[in-house]
Each structure stands twice: as structure tokens, then as C-alpha cells.
Amino acid sequence: MNGPVSCEELHVRTATWHFMDNQGLQYDIVGRCVKGRKHGNFDFLVNGQLVARTKYTRDAEVKTKCYVKDVKAGNLDHCLTANNAAMKQSNYRPNQAKPQNVDIWVQQN
């Protein structure tokens, strides 16, 4: 699913959402929807790196563990804001292509 997390009308064990925020960061979220509500652990990843794990019970945020450097506690919004600030500090540019090394093998007959 593309867009922010919404479990409306969903009942699935493993749901995945993909969306880009206003700063160009690609978010991938994996979680579980029960009777149209978020329930259980939701992992929030940016570029394949775990940023936050939030536990929901009946659509309410119970607790969030933040994996952003120097951020110990807080809610999900606080953690994602800290992640955006850390990415900005590191001069992260999501739309720039990185140079790749390419090996070319030629088979002789």
C-alpha cells in the first residue's frame, strides 16, 4: 500500500506501506491490522534501516523504541522528526544516484 499507515477496512497479519515524506525520505512500514485497527508491532524503516518500532493496541500507540542515534524515548512523531534532522545533518540527498563499479566479463571463444 502506498501512503501513510492506515488499517481502515483491513484484517491482515502482515501489511506493508510505502510512502515518501515531504523531505524525500522513502518510508517502508511493516505491521499488522486487526479488524481495521493497528495492533502489534510496526517497524518503520528508511532506506532499509530500522528507525522506529512502535507497539499499537487497538489503534493507540502504546510505546515506541527509537533507533535514531542519541534519541532514547518519546513517541513515534518525535522519533521520525529526530531521524529527519539526523538525515539533514548528514547531508543526505535521496535523489542523487551513487556511482557504481561495474565489472565487465568477456568470454573468448
PDB file of N, CA and C in Angstrom:
ATOM      1  N   MET A   1       0.840  -1.169   0.000  1.00  0.00           N
ATOM      2  CA  MET A   1       0.000   0.000   0.000  1.00  0.00           C
ATOM      3  C   MET A   1       0.888   1.236   0.000  1.00  0.00           C
ATOM      4  N   ASN A   2       0.515   2.222  -0.745  1.00  0.00           N
ATOM      5  CA  ASN A   2       1.268   3.467  -0.785  1.00  0.00           C
ATOM      6  C   ASN A   2       0.542   4.517   0.044  1.00  0.00           C
ATOM      7  N   GLY A   3       1.285   5.258   0.820  1.00  0.00           N
ATOM      8  CA  GLY A   3       0.713   6.300   1.654  1.00  0.00           C
ATOM      9  C   GLY A   3       0.938   6.002   3.113  1.00  0.00           C
ATOM     10  N   PRO A   4       0.610   6.960   3.986  1.00  0.00           N
ATOM     11  CA  PRO A   4       0.788   6.764   5.423  1.00  0.00           C
ATOM     12  C   PRO A   4      -0.019   5.576   5.940  1.00  0.00           C
ATOM     13  N   VAL A   5       0.347   5.108   7.102  1.00  0.00           N
ATOM     14  CA  VAL A   5      -0.244   3.902   7.678  1.00  0.00           C
ATOM     15  C   VAL A   5      -1.725   4.099   7.986  1.00  0.00           C
ATOM     16  N   SER A   6      -2.534   3.222   7.415  1.00  0.00           N
ATOM     17  CA  SER A   6      -3.959   3.196   7.702  1.00  0.00           C
ATOM     18  C   SER A   6      -4.427   1.751   7.607  1.00  0.00           C
ATOM     19  N   CYS A   7      -5.088   1.291   8.638  1.00  0.00           N
ATOM     20  CA  CYS A   7      -5.595  -0.075   8.646  1.00  0.00           C
ATOM     21  C   CYS A   7      -7.094  -0.132   8.351  1.00  0.00           C
ATOM     22  N   GLU A   8      -7.647   0.976   7.935  1.00  0.00           N
ATOM     23  CA  GLU A   8      -9.080   1.044   7.695  1.00  0.00           C
ATOM     24  C   GLU A   8      -9.529  -0.086   6.775  1.00  0.00           C
ATOM     25  N   GLU A   9     -10.498  -0.864   7.232  1.00  0.00           N
ATOM     26  CA  GLU A   9     -11.098  -1.977   6.496  1.00  0.00           C
ATOM     27  C   GLU A   9     -10.115  -3.106   6.195  1.00  0.00           C
ATOM     28  N   LEU A  10      -9.013  -3.215   6.961  1.00  0.00           N
ATOM     29  CA  LEU A  10      -8.043  -4.283   6.734  1.00  0.00           C
ATOM     30  C   LEU A  10      -8.011  -5.246   7.906  1.00  0.00           C
ATOM     31  N   HIS A  11      -7.772  -6.502   7.597  1.00  0.00           N
ATOM     32  CA  HIS A  11      -7.556  -7.538   8.609  1.00  0.00           C
ATOM     33  C   HIS A  11      -6.497  -8.471   8.027  1.00  0.00           C
ATOM     34  N   VAL A  12      -5.225  -8.111   8.244  1.00  0.00           N
ATOM     35  CA  VAL A  12      -4.120  -8.878   7.673  1.00  0.00           C
ATOM     36  C   VAL A  12      -3.023  -9.057   8.715  1.00  0.00           C
ATOM     37  N   ARG A  13      -2.321 -10.162   8.593  1.00  0.00           N
ATOM     38  CA  ARG A  13      -1.235 -10.463   9.519  1.00  0.00           C
ATOM     39  C   ARG A  13      -0.013  -9.597   9.239  1.00  0.00           C
ATOM     40  N   THR A  14       0.340  -9.446   7.972  1.00  0.00           N
ATOM     41  CA  THR A  14       1.496  -8.640   7.599  1.00  0.00           C
ATOM     42  C   THR A  14       1.102  -7.676   6.495  1.00  0.00           C
ATOM     43  N   ALA A  15       1.038  -6.412   6.845  1.00  0.00           N
ATOM     44  CA  ALA A  15       0.735  -5.368   5.867  1.00  0.00           C
ATOM     45  C   ALA A  15       1.984  -4.522   5.685  1.00  0.00           C
ATOM     46  N   THR A  16       2.186  -4.012   4.481  1.00  0.00           N
ATOM     47  CA  THR A  16       3.346  -3.188   4.182  1.00  0.00           C
ATOM     48  C   THR A  16       2.885  -1.913   3.498  1.00  0.00           C
ATOM     49  N   TRP A  17       3.408  -0.796   3.954  1.00  0.00           N
ATOM     50  CA  TRP A  17       3.121   0.502   3.359  1.00  0.00           C
ATOM     51  C   TRP A  17       4.420   1.112   2.869  1.00  0.00           C
ATOM     52  N   HIS A  18       4.344   1.851   1.777  1.00  0.00           N
ATOM     53  CA  HIS A  18       5.492   2.568   1.231  1.00  0.00           C
ATOM     54  C   HIS A  18       5.041   3.993   0.945  1.00  0.00           C
ATOM     55  N   PHE A  19       5.773   4.964   1.456  1.00  0.00           N
ATOM     56  CA  PHE A  19       5.460   6.342   1.105  1.00  0.00           C
ATOM     57  C   PHE A  19       6.694   7.213   1.270  1.00  0.00           C
ATOM     58  N   MET A  20       6.669   8.358   0.618  1.00  0.00           N
ATOM     59  CA  MET A  20       7.764   9.318   0.686  1.00  0.00           C
ATOM     60  C   MET A  20       7.272  10.557   1.430  1.00  0.00           C
ATOM     61  N   ASP A  21       8.067  11.020   2.400  1.00  0.00           N
ATOM     62  CA  ASP A  21       7.655  12.209   3.137  1.00  0.00           C
ATOM     63  C   ASP A  21       8.023  13.466   2.362  1.00  0.00           C
ATOM     64  N   ASN A  22       7.717  14.626   2.944  1.00  0.00           N
ATOM     65  CA  ASN A  22       7.939  15.881   2.232  1.00  0.00           C
ATOM     66  C   ASN A  22       9.415  16.250   2.098  1.00  0.00           C
ATOM     67  N   GLN A  23      10.317  15.512   2.762  1.00  0.00           N
ATOM     68  CA  GLN A  23      11.749  15.751   2.624  1.00  0.00           C
ATOM     69  C   GLN A  23      12.407  14.757   1.668  1.00  0.00           C
ATOM     70  N   GLY A  24      11.613  13.900   1.069  1.00  0.00           N
ATOM     71  CA  GLY A  24      12.144  12.954   0.093  1.00  0.00           C
ATOM     72  C   GLY A  24      12.641  11.653   0.674  1.00  0.00           C
ATOM     73  N   LEU A  25      12.345  11.361   1.943  1.00  0.00           N
ATOM     74  CA  LEU A  25      12.759  10.101   2.539  1.00  0.00           C
ATOM     75  C   LEU A  25      11.727   9.022   2.242  1.00  0.00           C
ATOM     76  N   GLN A  26      12.188   7.874   1.796  1.00  0.00           N
ATOM     77  CA  GLN A  26      11.312   6.748   1.480  1.00  0.00           C
ATOM     78  C   GLN A  26      11.078   5.924   2.740  1.00  0.00           C
ATOM     79  N   TYR A  27       9.846   5.822   3.175  1.00  0.00           N
ATOM     80  CA  TYR A  27       9.483   5.044   4.359  1.00  0.00           C
ATOM     81  C   TYR A  27       8.849   3.729   3.934  1.00  0.00           C
ATOM     82  N   ASP A  28       9.254   2.670   4.618  1.00  0.00           N
ATOM     83  CA  ASP A  28       8.638   1.356   4.475  1.00  0.00           C
ATOM     84  C   ASP A  28       8.183   0.961   5.872  1.00  0.00           C
ATOM     85  N   ILE A  29       6.907   0.622   6.003  1.00  0.00           N
ATOM     86  CA  ILE A  29       6.344   0.263   7.299  1.00  0.00           C
ATOM     87  C   ILE A  29       5.741  -1.127   7.188  1.00  0.00           C
ATOM     88  N   VAL A  30       6.044  -1.954   8.179  1.00  0.00           N
ATOM     89  CA  VAL A  30       5.503  -3.310   8.217  1.00  0.00           C
ATOM     90  C   VAL A  30       4.772  -3.477   9.540  1.00  0.00           C
ATOM     91  N   GLY A  31       3.523  -3.943   9.482  1.00  0.00           N
ATOM     92  CA  GLY A  31       2.748  -4.128  10.693  1.00  0.00           C
ATOM     93  C   GLY A  31       1.545  -5.023  10.466  1.00  0.00           C
ATOM     94  N   ARG A  32       0.687  -5.069  11.460  1.00  0.00           N
ATOM     95  CA  ARG A  32      -0.467  -5.965  11.428  1.00  0.00           C
ATOM     96  C   ARG A  32      -1.747  -5.172  11.679  1.00  0.00           C
ATOM     97  N   CYS A  33      -2.759  -5.487  10.906  1.00  0.00           N
ATOM     98  CA  CYS A  33      -4.062  -4.846  11.062  1.00  0.00           C
ATOM     99  C   CYS A  33      -5.070  -5.879  11.535  1.00  0.00           C
ATOM    100  N   VAL A  34      -5.797  -5.537  12.595  1.00  0.00           N
ATOM    101  CA  VAL A  34      -6.817  -6.431  13.140  1.00  0.00           C
ATOM    102  C   VAL A  34      -8.131  -5.659  13.204  1.00  0.00           C
ATOM    103  N   LYS A  35      -9.117  -6.145  12.461  1.00  0.00           N
ATOM    104  CA  LYS A  35     -10.450  -5.535  12.436  1.00  0.00           C
ATOM    105  C   LYS A  35     -10.391  -4.034  12.147  1.00  0.00           C
ATOM    106  N   GLY A  36      -9.547  -3.650  11.188  1.00  0.00           N
ATOM    107  CA  GLY A  36      -9.475  -2.264  10.766  1.00  0.00           C
ATOM    108  C   GLY A  36      -8.665  -1.346  11.663  1.00  0.00           C
ATOM    109  N   ARG A  37      -7.898  -1.938  12.603  1.00  0.00           N
ATOM    110  CA  ARG A  37      -7.090  -1.123  13.512  1.00  0.00           C
ATOM    111  C   ARG A  37      -5.657  -1.641  13.568  1.00  0.00           C
ATOM    112  N   LYS A  38      -4.709  -0.713  13.843  1.00  0.00           N
ATOM    113  CA  LYS A  38      -3.317  -1.114  14.025  1.00  0.00           C
ATOM    114  C   LYS A  38      -3.216  -1.856  15.350  1.00  0.00           C
ATOM    115  N   HIS A  39      -2.532  -3.018  15.327  1.00  0.00           N
ATOM    116  CA  HIS A  39      -2.406  -3.807  16.547  1.00  0.00           C
ATOM    117  C   HIS A  39      -1.111  -4.609  16.475  1.00  0.00           C
ATOM    118  N   GLY A  40      -0.262  -4.454  17.473  1.00  0.00           N
ATOM    119  CA  GLY A  40       1.016  -5.160  17.498  1.00  0.00           C
ATOM    120  C   GLY A  40       2.158  -4.231  17.127  1.00  0.00           C
ATOM    121  N   ASN A  41       3.299  -4.826  16.804  1.00  0.00           N
ATOM    122  CA  ASN A  41       4.488  -4.042  16.481  1.00  0.00           C
ATOM    123  C   ASN A  41       4.487  -3.598  15.030  1.00  0.00           C
ATOM    124  N   PHE A  42       4.866  -2.347  14.823  1.00  0.00           N
ATOM    125  CA  PHE A  42       5.031  -1.778  13.490  1.00  0.00           C
ATOM    126  C   PHE A  42       6.472  -1.315  13.368  1.00  0.00           C
ATOM    127  N   ASP A  43       7.155  -1.775  12.331  1.00  0.00           N
ATOM    128  CA  ASP A  43       8.529  -1.367  12.075  1.00  0.00           C
ATOM    129  C   ASP A  43       8.534  -0.266  11.031  1.00  0.00           C
ATOM    130  N   PHE A  44       9.232   0.830  11.325  1.00  0.00           N
ATOM    131  CA  PHE A  44       9.370   1.967  10.415  1.00  0.00           C
ATOM    132  C   PHE A  44      10.804   1.988   9.915  1.00  0.00           C
ATOM    133  N   LEU A  45      10.973   1.766   8.622  1.00  0.00           N
ATOM    134  CA  LEU A  45      12.297   1.723   8.024  1.00  0.00           C
ATOM    135  C   LEU A  45      12.469   2.861   7.030  1.00  0.00           C
ATOM    136  N   VAL A  46      13.668   3.424   6.987  1.00  0.00           N
ATOM    137  CA  VAL A  46      14.025   4.436   5.997  1.00  0.00           C
ATOM    138  C   VAL A  46      15.235   3.898   5.259  1.00  0.00           C
ATOM    139  N   ASN A  47      15.081   3.719   3.951  1.00  0.00           N
ATOM    140  CA  ASN A  47      16.153   3.179   3.120  1.00  0.00           C
ATOM    141  C   ASN A  47      16.675   1.851   3.659  1.00  0.00           C
ATOM    142  N   GLY A  48      15.766   1.004   4.137  1.00  0.00           N
ATOM    143  CA  GLY A  48      16.125  -0.314   4.624  1.00  0.00           C
ATOM    144  C   GLY A  48      16.688  -0.350   6.027  1.00  0.00           C
ATOM    145  N   GLN A  49      16.772   0.785   6.690  1.00  0.00           N
ATOM    146  CA  GLN A  49      17.325   0.851   8.036  1.00  0.00           C
ATOM    147  C   GLN A  49      16.205   1.114   9.041  1.00  0.00           C
ATOM    148  N   LEU A  50      16.166   0.290  10.096  1.00  0.00           N
ATOM    149  CA  LEU A  50      15.128   0.428  11.114  1.00  0.00           C
ATOM    150  C   LEU A  50      15.303   1.735  11.871  1.00  0.00           C
ATOM    151  N   VAL A  51      14.254   2.559  11.874  1.00  0.00           N
ATOM    152  CA  VAL A  51      14.281   3.855  12.552  1.00  0.00           C
ATOM    153  C   VAL A  51      13.478   3.784  13.848  1.00  0.00           C
ATOM    154  N   ALA A  52      12.332   3.100  13.814  1.00  0.00           N
ATOM    155  CA  ALA A  52      11.475   3.030  14.998  1.00  0.00           C
ATOM    156  C   ALA A  52      10.660   1.743  14.974  1.00  0.00           C
ATOM    157  N   ARG A  53      10.348   1.260  16.159  1.00  0.00           N
ATOM    158  CA  ARG A  53       9.414   0.141  16.323  1.00  0.00           C
ATOM    159  C   ARG A  53       8.367   0.610  17.314  1.00  0.00           C
ATOM    160  N   THR A  54       7.119   0.638  16.857  1.00  0.00           N
ATOM    161  CA  THR A  54       6.019   1.138  17.678  1.00  0.00           C
ATOM    162  C   THR A  54       5.028   0.027  17.944  1.00  0.00           C
ATOM    163  N   LYS A  55       4.619  -0.084  19.194  1.00  0.00           N
ATOM    164  CA  LYS A  55       3.601  -1.063  19.572  1.00  0.00           C
ATOM    165  C   LYS A  55       2.261  -0.348  19.654  1.00  0.00           C
ATOM    166  N   TYR A  56       1.299  -0.889  18.938  1.00  0.00           N
ATOM    167  CA  TYR A  56      -0.065  -0.365  18.952  1.00  0.00           C
ATOM    168  C   TYR A  56      -0.992  -1.388  19.590  1.00  0.00           C
ATOM    169  N   THR A  57      -1.968  -0.902  20.319  1.00  0.00           N
ATOM    170  CA  THR A  57      -3.043  -1.739  20.830  1.00  0.00           C
ATOM    171  C   THR A  57      -4.340  -1.043  20.473  1.00  0.00           C
ATOM    172  N   ARG A  58      -5.127  -1.713  19.652  1.00  0.00           N
ATOM    173  CA  ARG A  58      -6.420  -1.177  19.202  1.00  0.00           C
ATOM    174  C   ARG A  58      -6.292   0.242  18.667  1.00  0.00           C
ATOM    175  N   ASP A  59      -5.309   0.442  17.781  1.00  0.00           N
ATOM    176  CA  ASP A  59      -5.086   1.699  17.069  1.00  0.00           C
ATOM    177  C   ASP A  59      -4.451   2.797  17.917  1.00  0.00           C
ATOM    178  N   ALA A  60      -4.091   2.506  19.162  1.00  0.00           N
ATOM    179  CA  ALA A  60      -3.469   3.510  20.024  1.00  0.00           C
ATOM    180  C   ALA A  60      -1.993   3.170  20.211  1.00  0.00           C
ATOM    181  N   GLU A  61      -1.135   4.185  20.087  1.00  0.00           N
ATOM    182  CA  GLU A  61       0.298   3.985  20.282  1.00  0.00           C
ATOM    183  C   GLU A  61       0.569   3.729  21.764  1.00  0.00           C
ATOM    184  N   VAL A  62       1.175   2.577  22.062  1.00  0.00           N
ATOM    185  CA  VAL A  62       1.465   2.219  23.449  1.00  0.00           C
ATOM    186  C   VAL A  62       2.878   2.647  23.816  1.00  0.00           C
ATOM    187  N   LYS A  63       3.844   2.251  22.994  1.00  0.00           N
ATOM    188  CA  LYS A  63       5.223   2.672  23.235  1.00  0.00           C
ATOM    189  C   LYS A  63       6.005   2.609  21.930  1.00  0.00           C
ATOM    190  N   THR A  64       7.073   3.397  21.882  1.00  0.00           N
ATOM    191  CA  THR A  64       7.919   3.452  20.699  1.00  0.00           C
ATOM    192  C   THR A  64       9.370   3.337  21.115  1.00  0.00           C
ATOM    193  N   LYS A  65      10.094   2.457  20.449  1.00  0.00           N
ATOM    194  CA  LYS A  65      11.541   2.372  20.634  1.00  0.00           C
ATOM    195  C   LYS A  65      12.167   3.035  19.421  1.00  0.00           C
ATOM    196  N   CYS A  66      12.998   4.043  19.688  1.00  0.00           N
ATOM    197  CA  CYS A  66      13.609   4.824  18.627  1.00  0.00           C
ATOM    198  C   CYS A  66      15.038   4.346  18.408  1.00  0.00           C
ATOM    199  N   TYR A  67      15.411   4.094  17.161  1.00  0.00           N
ATOM    200  CA  TYR A  67      16.745   3.617  16.828  1.00  0.00           C
ATOM    201  C   TYR A  67      17.606   4.716  16.213  1.00  0.00           C
ATOM    202  N   VAL A  68      17.211   5.966  16.385  1.00  0.00           N
ATOM    203  CA  VAL A  68      17.978   7.102  15.889  1.00  0.00           C
ATOM    204  C   VAL A  68      19.030   7.428  16.943  1.00  0.00           C
ATOM    205  N   LYS A  69      20.246   7.723  16.491  1.00  0.00           N
ATOM    206  CA  LYS A  69      21.350   8.000  17.407  1.00  0.00           C
ATOM    207  C   LYS A  69      20.994   9.137  18.358  1.00  0.00           C
ATOM    208  N   ASP A  70      21.289   8.935  19.639  1.00  0.00           N
ATOM    209  CA  ASP A  70      21.103   9.921  20.707  1.00  0.00           C
ATOM    210  C   ASP A  70      19.646  10.218  21.040  1.00  0.00           C
ATOM    211  N   VAL A  71      18.712   9.444  20.565  1.00  0.00           N
ATOM    212  CA  VAL A  71      17.301   9.633  20.928  1.00  0.00           C
ATOM    213  C   VAL A  71      16.887   8.403  21.738  1.00  0.00           C
ATOM    214  N   LYS A  72      16.526   8.608  22.980  1.00  0.00           N
ATOM    215  CA  LYS A  72      16.241   7.491  23.885  1.00  0.00           C
ATOM    216  C   LYS A  72      14.757   7.145  23.965  1.00  0.00           C
ATOM    217  N   ALA A  73      13.915   8.133  24.126  1.00  0.00           N
ATOM    218  CA  ALA A  73      12.498   7.846  24.335  1.00  0.00           C
ATOM    219  C   ALA A  73      11.655   8.878  23.612  1.00  0.00           C
ATOM    220  N   GLY A  74      10.389   8.651  23.653  1.00  0.00           N
ATOM    221  CA  GLY A  74       9.458   9.586  23.022  1.00  0.00           C
ATOM    222  C   GLY A  74       8.420   8.830  22.229  1.00  0.00           C
ATOM    223  N   ASN A  75       7.612   9.580  21.530  1.00  0.00           N
ATOM    224  CA  ASN A  75       6.589   8.949  20.711  1.00  0.00           C
ATOM    225  C   ASN A  75       7.094   8.813  19.270  1.00  0.00           C
ATOM    226  N   LEU A  76       6.296   8.247  18.409  1.00  0.00           N
ATOM    227  CA  LEU A  76       6.697   7.993  17.033  1.00  0.00           C
ATOM    228  C   LEU A  76       7.003   9.290  16.291  1.00  0.00           C
ATOM    229  N   ASP A  77       6.174  10.310  16.446  1.00  0.00           N
ATOM    230  CA  ASP A  77       6.415  11.585  15.758  1.00  0.00           C
ATOM    231  C   ASP A  77       7.759  12.188  16.158  1.00  0.00           C
ATOM    232  N   HIS A  78       8.072  12.129  17.447  1.00  0.00           N
ATOM    233  CA  HIS A  78       9.353  12.643  17.940  1.00  0.00           C
ATOM    234  C   HIS A  78      10.524  11.890  17.307  1.00  0.00           C
ATOM    235  N   CYS A  79      10.397  10.589  17.208  1.00  0.00           N
ATOM    236  CA  CYS A  79      11.457   9.761  16.634  1.00  0.00           C
ATOM    237  C   CYS A  79      11.646  10.053  15.148  1.00  0.00           C
ATOM    238  N   LEU A  80      10.569  10.154  14.399  1.00  0.00           N
ATOM    239  CA  LEU A  80      10.679  10.420  12.964  1.00  0.00           C
ATOM    240  C   LEU A  80      11.216  11.824  12.694  1.00  0.00           C
ATOM    241  N   THR A  81      10.848  12.790  13.538  1.00  0.00           N
ATOM    242  CA  THR A  81      11.386  14.142  13.409  1.00  0.00           C
ATOM    243  C   THR A  81      12.886  14.139  13.679  1.00  0.00           C
ATOM    244  N   ALA A  82      13.314  13.389  14.699  1.00  0.00           N
ATOM    245  CA  ALA A  82      14.743  13.284  15.011  1.00  0.00           C
ATOM    246  C   ALA A  82      15.494  12.610  13.872  1.00  0.00           C
ATOM    247  N   ASN A  83      14.878  11.619  13.243  1.00  0.00           N
ATOM    248  CA  ASN A  83      15.512  10.945  12.111  1.00  0.00           C
ATOM    249  C   ASN A  83      15.682  11.906  10.941  1.00  0.00           C
ATOM    250  N   ASN A  84      14.660  12.706  10.653  1.00  0.00           N
ATOM    251  CA  ASN A  84      14.761  13.691   9.570  1.00  0.00           C
ATOM    252  C   ASN A  84      15.875  14.691   9.848  1.00  0.00           C
ATOM    253  N   ALA A  85      15.997  15.133  11.107  1.00  0.00           N
ATOM    254  CA  ALA A  85      17.053  16.080  11.468  1.00  0.00           C
ATOM    255  C   ALA A  85      18.430  15.441  11.308  1.00  0.00           C
ATOM    256  N   ALA A  86      18.559  14.181  11.700  1.00  0.00           N
ATOM    257  CA  ALA A  86      19.838  13.483  11.570  1.00  0.00           C
ATOM    258  C   ALA A  86      20.209  13.301  10.106  1.00  0.00           C
ATOM    259  N   MET A  87      19.231  13.005   9.266  1.00  0.00           N
ATOM    260  CA  MET A  87      19.491  12.849   7.833  1.00  0.00           C
ATOM    261  C   MET A  87      19.902  14.182   7.227  1.00  0.00           C
ATOM    262  N   LYS A  88      19.276  15.257   7.672  1.00  0.00           N
ATOM    263  CA  LYS A  88      19.601  16.581   7.155  1.00  0.00           C
ATOM    264  C   LYS A  88      21.029  16.967   7.568  1.00  0.00           C
ATOM    265  N   GLN A  89      21.406  16.636   8.816  1.00  0.00           N
ATOM    266  CA  GLN A  89      22.749  16.921   9.307  1.00  0.00           C
ATOM    267  C   GLN A  89      23.815  16.169   8.521  1.00  0.00           C
ATOM    268  N   SER A  90      23.495  14.958   8.108  1.00  0.00           N
ATOM    269  CA  SER A  90      24.477  14.150   7.389  1.00  0.00           C
ATOM    270  C   SER A  90      24.488  14.476   5.895  1.00  0.00           C
ATOM    271  N   ASN A  91      23.761  15.524   5.499  1.00  0.00           N
ATOM    272  CA  ASN A  91      23.671  15.953   4.093  1.00  0.00           C
ATOM    273  C   ASN A  91      23.165  14.841   3.184  1.00  0.00           C
ATOM    274  N   TYR A  92      22.205  14.089   3.666  1.00  0.00           N
ATOM    275  CA  TYR A  92      21.624  13.001   2.880  1.00  0.00           C
ATOM    276  C   TYR A  92      20.839  13.579   1.720  1.00  0.00           C
ATOM    277  N   ARG A  93      21.119  13.079   0.526  1.00  0.00           N
ATOM    278  CA  ARG A  93      20.411  13.517  -0.682  1.00  0.00           C
ATOM    279  C   ARG A  93      19.792  12.288  -1.335  1.00  0.00           C
ATOM    280  N   PRO A  94      18.500  12.059  -1.126  1.00  0.00           N
ATOM    281  CA  PRO A  94      17.886  10.819  -1.588  1.00  0.00           C
ATOM    282  C   PRO A  94      17.795  10.681  -3.100  1.00  0.00           C
ATOM    283  N   ASN A  95      17.799  11.778  -3.835  1.00  0.00           N
ATOM    284  CA  ASN A  95      17.585  11.676  -5.278  1.00  0.00           C
ATOM    285  C   ASN A  95      18.868  11.633  -6.090  1.00  0.00           C
ATOM    286  N   GLN A  96      20.015  11.635  -5.425  1.00  0.00           N
ATOM    287  CA  GLN A  96      21.268  11.570  -6.154  1.00  0.00           C
ATOM    288  C   GLN A  96      21.650  10.120  -6.401  1.00  0.00           C
ATOM    289  N   ALA A  97      22.023   9.836  -7.617  1.00  0.00           N
ATOM    290  CA  ALA A  97      22.480   8.489  -7.948  1.00  0.00           C
ATOM    291  C   ALA A  97      23.928   8.338  -7.499  1.00  0.00           C
ATOM    292  N   LYS A  98      24.231   7.207  -6.887  1.00  0.00           N
ATOM    293  CA  LYS A  98      25.586   6.939  -6.453  1.00  0.00           C
ATOM    294  C   LYS A  98      26.334   6.231  -7.580  1.00  0.00           C
ATOM    295  N   PRO A  99      27.607   6.581  -7.772  1.00  0.00           N
ATOM    296  CA  PRO A  99      28.366   5.884  -8.804  1.00  0.00           C
ATOM    297  C   PRO A  99      28.542   4.411  -8.437  1.00  0.00           C
ATOM    298  N   GLN A 100      28.458   3.575  -9.413  1.00  0.00           N
ATOM    299  CA  GLN A 100      28.582   2.139  -9.183  1.00  0.00           C
ATOM    300  C   GLN A 100      29.767   1.600  -9.974  1.00  0.00           C
ATOM    301  N   ASN A 101      30.457   0.660  -9.364  1.00  0.00           N
ATOM    302  CA  ASN A 101      31.520  -0.035 -10.074  1.00  0.00           C
ATOM    303  C   ASN A 101      30.900  -1.183 -10.844  1.00  0.00           C
ATOM    304  N   VAL A 102      31.253  -1.288 -12.098  1.00  0.00           N
ATOM    305  CA  VAL A 102      30.701  -2.334 -12.939  1.00  0.00           C
ATOM    306  C   VAL A 102      31.854  -3.167 -13.491  1.00  0.00           C
ATOM    307  N   ASP A 103      31.789  -4.453 -13.287  1.00  0.00           N
ATOM    308  CA  ASP A 103      32.763  -5.365 -13.854  1.00  0.00           C
ATOM    309  C   ASP A 103      32.184  -5.960 -15.130  1.00  0.00           C
ATOM    310  N   ILE A 104      32.971  -5.931 -16.181  1.00  0.00           N
ATOM    311  CA  ILE A 104      32.513  -6.493 -17.466  1.00  0.00           C
ATOM    312  C   ILE A 104      33.406  -7.694 -17.766  1.00  0.00           C
ATOM    313  N   TRP A 105      32.766  -8.813 -17.991  1.00  0.00           N
ATOM    314  CA  TRP A 105      33.484 -10.027 -18.307  1.00  0.00           C
ATOM    315  C   TRP A 105      33.219 -10.375 -19.764  1.00  0.00           C
ATOM    316  N   VAL A 106      34.279 -10.654 -20.488  1.00  0.00           N
ATOM    317  CA  VAL A 106      34.154 -11.026 -21.884  1.00  0.00           C
ATOM    318  C   VAL A 106      34.628 -12.450 -22.020  1.00  0.00           C
ATOM    319  N   GLN A 107      33.780 -13.252 -22.607  1.00  0.00           N
ATOM    320  CA  GLN A 107      34.152 -14.664 -22.812  1.00  0.00           C
ATOM    321  C   GLN A 107      34.719 -14.805 -24.217  1.00  0.00           C
ATOM    322  N   GLN A 108      35.903 -15.390 -24.285  1.00  0.00           N
ATOM    323  CA  GLN A 108      36.523 -15.600 -25.603  1.00  0.00           C
ATOM    324  C   GLN A 108      36.184 -16.993 -26.083  1.00  0.00           C
ATOM    325  N   ASN A 109      35.942 -17.104 -27.398  1.00  0.00           N
ATOM    326  CA  ASN A 109      35.617 -18.403 -27.991  1.00  0.00           C
ATOM    327  C   ASN A 109      36.876 -19.077 -28.500  1.00  0.00           C
TER     328      ASN A 109
END
